[in-house]
């Protein structure tokens, strides 16, 4: 377990708590998760999604772990495991 993070089982979702933030680890659409990371960008022109995907592609270790988890570029959702990996490598939104 990484220092500074605590994992708490809550209902059916695993929550990550860090410095008072609490975002559920559950399946998210790519757009939904992208908007959590960039709420200031427009969801209609895919700017937030493009930014998130560029961060993922720019992080080789994260991209490798996502691919090991079954990630494919054409999928519309991130699985719970993939969301956990994204939070570990990019931090919580």
C-alpha atoms as a PDB file:
ATOM      1  CA  UNK A   1       0.000   0.000   0.000  1.00  0.00           C
ATOM      2  CA  UNK A   2       1.361   3.415  -0.921  1.00  0.00           C
ATOM      3  CA  UNK A   3       2.237   5.789   1.872  1.00  0.00           C
ATOM      4  CA  UNK A   4      -0.440   8.407   2.480  1.00  0.00           C
ATOM      5  CA  UNK A   5      -3.273   6.336   1.005  1.00  0.00           C
ATOM      6  CA  UNK A   6      -5.760   4.316   2.970  1.00  0.00           C
ATOM      7  CA  UNK A   7      -8.115   1.845   1.377  1.00  0.00           C
ATOM      8  CA  UNK A   8     -11.544   1.413   2.930  1.00  0.00           C
ATOM      9  CA  UNK A   9     -14.167  -1.169   1.950  1.00  0.00           C
ATOM     10  CA  UNK A  10     -17.507   0.624   1.707  1.00  0.00           C
ATOM     11  CA  UNK A  11     -20.637  -1.036   0.341  1.00  0.00           C
ATOM     12  CA  UNK A  12     -19.604  -2.700  -2.947  1.00  0.00           C
ATOM     13  CA  UNK A  13     -17.021  -0.089  -3.914  1.00  0.00           C
ATOM     14  CA  UNK A  14     -13.494   0.367  -2.723  1.00  0.00           C
ATOM     15  CA  UNK A  15     -12.813   3.968  -1.763  1.00  0.00           C
ATOM     16  CA  UNK A  16      -9.465   5.691  -1.773  1.00  0.00           C
ATOM     17  CA  UNK A  17      -9.035   8.363   0.866  1.00  0.00           C
ATOM     18  CA  UNK A  18      -6.236  10.869   0.516  1.00  0.00           C
ATOM     19  CA  UNK A  19      -6.116  14.174   2.336  1.00  0.00           C
ATOM     20  CA  UNK A  20      -9.860  14.173   2.934  1.00  0.00           C
ATOM     21  CA  UNK A  21     -10.835  13.440  -0.682  1.00  0.00           C
ATOM     22  CA  UNK A  22     -13.000  10.450  -1.359  1.00  0.00           C
ATOM     23  CA  UNK A  23     -13.715   9.181  -4.863  1.00  0.00           C
ATOM     24  CA  UNK A  24     -15.161   5.714  -5.357  1.00  0.00           C
ATOM     25  CA  UNK A  25     -13.245   3.131  -7.309  1.00  0.00           C
ATOM     26  CA  UNK A  26     -15.899   1.817  -9.656  1.00  0.00           C
ATOM     27  CA  UNK A  27     -16.350   1.584 -13.419  1.00  0.00           C
ATOM     28  CA  UNK A  28     -16.436   5.011 -15.094  1.00  0.00           C
ATOM     29  CA  UNK A  29     -16.992   5.984 -18.699  1.00  0.00           C
ATOM     30  CA  UNK A  30     -13.864   7.493 -20.185  1.00  0.00           C
ATOM     31  CA  UNK A  31     -15.626  10.852 -20.499  1.00  0.00           C
ATOM     32  CA  UNK A  32     -16.917  10.761 -16.929  1.00  0.00           C
ATOM     33  CA  UNK A  33     -13.455  10.136 -15.506  1.00  0.00           C
ATOM     34  CA  UNK A  34     -11.883  12.692 -17.844  1.00  0.00           C
ATOM     35  CA  UNK A  35     -14.336  15.355 -16.646  1.00  0.00           C
ATOM     36  CA  UNK A  36     -13.407  14.552 -13.043  1.00  0.00           C
ATOM     37  CA  UNK A  37      -9.765  15.340 -13.891  1.00  0.00           C
ATOM     38  CA  UNK A  38     -10.582  18.431 -15.988  1.00  0.00           C
ATOM     39  CA  UNK A  39     -13.935  19.908 -14.938  1.00  0.00           C
ATOM     40  CA  UNK A  40     -12.994  23.216 -16.562  1.00  0.00           C
ATOM     41  CA  UNK A  41     -12.857  21.681 -20.056  1.00  0.00           C
ATOM     42  CA  UNK A  42     -15.822  21.104 -22.334  1.00  0.00           C
ATOM     43  CA  UNK A  43     -17.196  17.559 -22.485  1.00  0.00           C
ATOM     44  CA  UNK A  44     -18.785  18.209 -25.873  1.00  0.00           C
ATOM     45  CA  UNK A  45     -15.575  18.724 -27.827  1.00  0.00           C
ATOM     46  CA  UNK A  46     -13.661  15.900 -26.092  1.00  0.00           C
ATOM     47  CA  UNK A  47     -10.944  18.212 -24.701  1.00  0.00           C
ATOM     48  CA  UNK A  48     -11.039  16.602 -21.243  1.00  0.00           C
ATOM     49  CA  UNK A  49     -10.902  13.108 -22.731  1.00  0.00           C
ATOM     50  CA  UNK A  50      -8.021  14.055 -25.012  1.00  0.00           C
ATOM     51  CA  UNK A  51      -6.100  15.440 -22.033  1.00  0.00           C
ATOM     52  CA  UNK A  52      -6.660  12.333 -19.902  1.00  0.00           C
ATOM     53  CA  UNK A  53      -5.662  10.021 -22.739  1.00  0.00           C
ATOM     54  CA  UNK A  54      -2.490  12.036 -23.396  1.00  0.00           C
ATOM     55  CA  UNK A  55      -1.582  11.735 -19.690  1.00  0.00           C
ATOM     56  CA  UNK A  56      -2.151   7.974 -19.842  1.00  0.00           C
ATOM     57  CA  UNK A  57      -0.159   7.547 -23.072  1.00  0.00           C
ATOM     58  CA  UNK A  58       2.630   9.683 -21.601  1.00  0.00           C
ATOM     59  CA  UNK A  59       2.958   7.391 -18.581  1.00  0.00           C
ATOM     60  CA  UNK A  60       4.461   4.147 -19.915  1.00  0.00           C
ATOM     61  CA  UNK A  61       4.155   2.219 -16.665  1.00  0.00           C
ATOM     62  CA  UNK A  62       0.493   3.134 -16.328  1.00  0.00           C
ATOM     63  CA  UNK A  63      -0.223   2.233 -19.952  1.00  0.00           C
ATOM     64  CA  UNK A  64       1.520  -1.136 -19.494  1.00  0.00           C
ATOM     65  CA  UNK A  65      -0.491  -1.903 -16.351  1.00  0.00           C
ATOM     66  CA  UNK A  66      -3.733  -0.884 -18.067  1.00  0.00           C
ATOM     67  CA  UNK A  67      -2.959  -3.147 -21.031  1.00  0.00           C
ATOM     68  CA  UNK A  68      -2.174  -6.018 -18.639  1.00  0.00           C
ATOM     69  CA  UNK A  69      -5.609  -5.456 -17.087  1.00  0.00           C
ATOM     70  CA  UNK A  70      -7.279  -5.890 -20.479  1.00  0.00           C
ATOM     71  CA  UNK A  71      -7.528  -2.228 -21.509  1.00  0.00           C
ATOM     72  CA  UNK A  72      -8.201  -1.585 -25.198  1.00  0.00           C
ATOM     73  CA  UNK A  73      -8.275   1.870 -26.788  1.00  0.00           C
ATOM     74  CA  UNK A  74     -11.741   1.305 -28.233  1.00  0.00           C
ATOM     75  CA  UNK A  75     -13.441   0.498 -24.914  1.00  0.00           C
ATOM     76  CA  UNK A  76     -15.912   3.087 -23.602  1.00  0.00           C
ATOM     77  CA  UNK A  77     -15.531   2.327 -19.881  1.00  0.00           C
ATOM     78  CA  UNK A  78     -12.627   1.948 -17.491  1.00  0.00           C
ATOM     79  CA  UNK A  79     -13.104  -1.060 -15.196  1.00  0.00           C
ATOM     80  CA  UNK A  80     -12.738  -0.732 -11.418  1.00  0.00           C
ATOM     81  CA  UNK A  81      -9.233  -2.201 -11.630  1.00  0.00           C
ATOM     82  CA  UNK A  82      -8.273   0.249 -14.376  1.00  0.00           C
ATOM     83  CA  UNK A  83      -9.642   3.171 -12.359  1.00  0.00           C
ATOM     84  CA  UNK A  84      -7.585   2.035  -9.357  1.00  0.00           C
ATOM     85  CA  UNK A  85      -4.463   1.969 -11.547  1.00  0.00           C
ATOM     86  CA  UNK A  86      -5.193   5.432 -12.931  1.00  0.00           C
ATOM     87  CA  UNK A  87      -5.636   6.789  -9.389  1.00  0.00           C
ATOM     88  CA  UNK A  88      -2.369   5.168  -8.314  1.00  0.00           C
ATOM     89  CA  UNK A  89      -0.334   6.608 -11.190  1.00  0.00           C
ATOM     90  CA  UNK A  90      -2.060   9.957 -11.791  1.00  0.00           C
ATOM     91  CA  UNK A  91      -3.526  10.604  -8.367  1.00  0.00           C
ATOM     92  CA  UNK A  92      -7.177  11.157  -7.572  1.00  0.00           C
ATOM     93  CA  UNK A  93      -9.001  13.863  -9.532  1.00  0.00           C
END
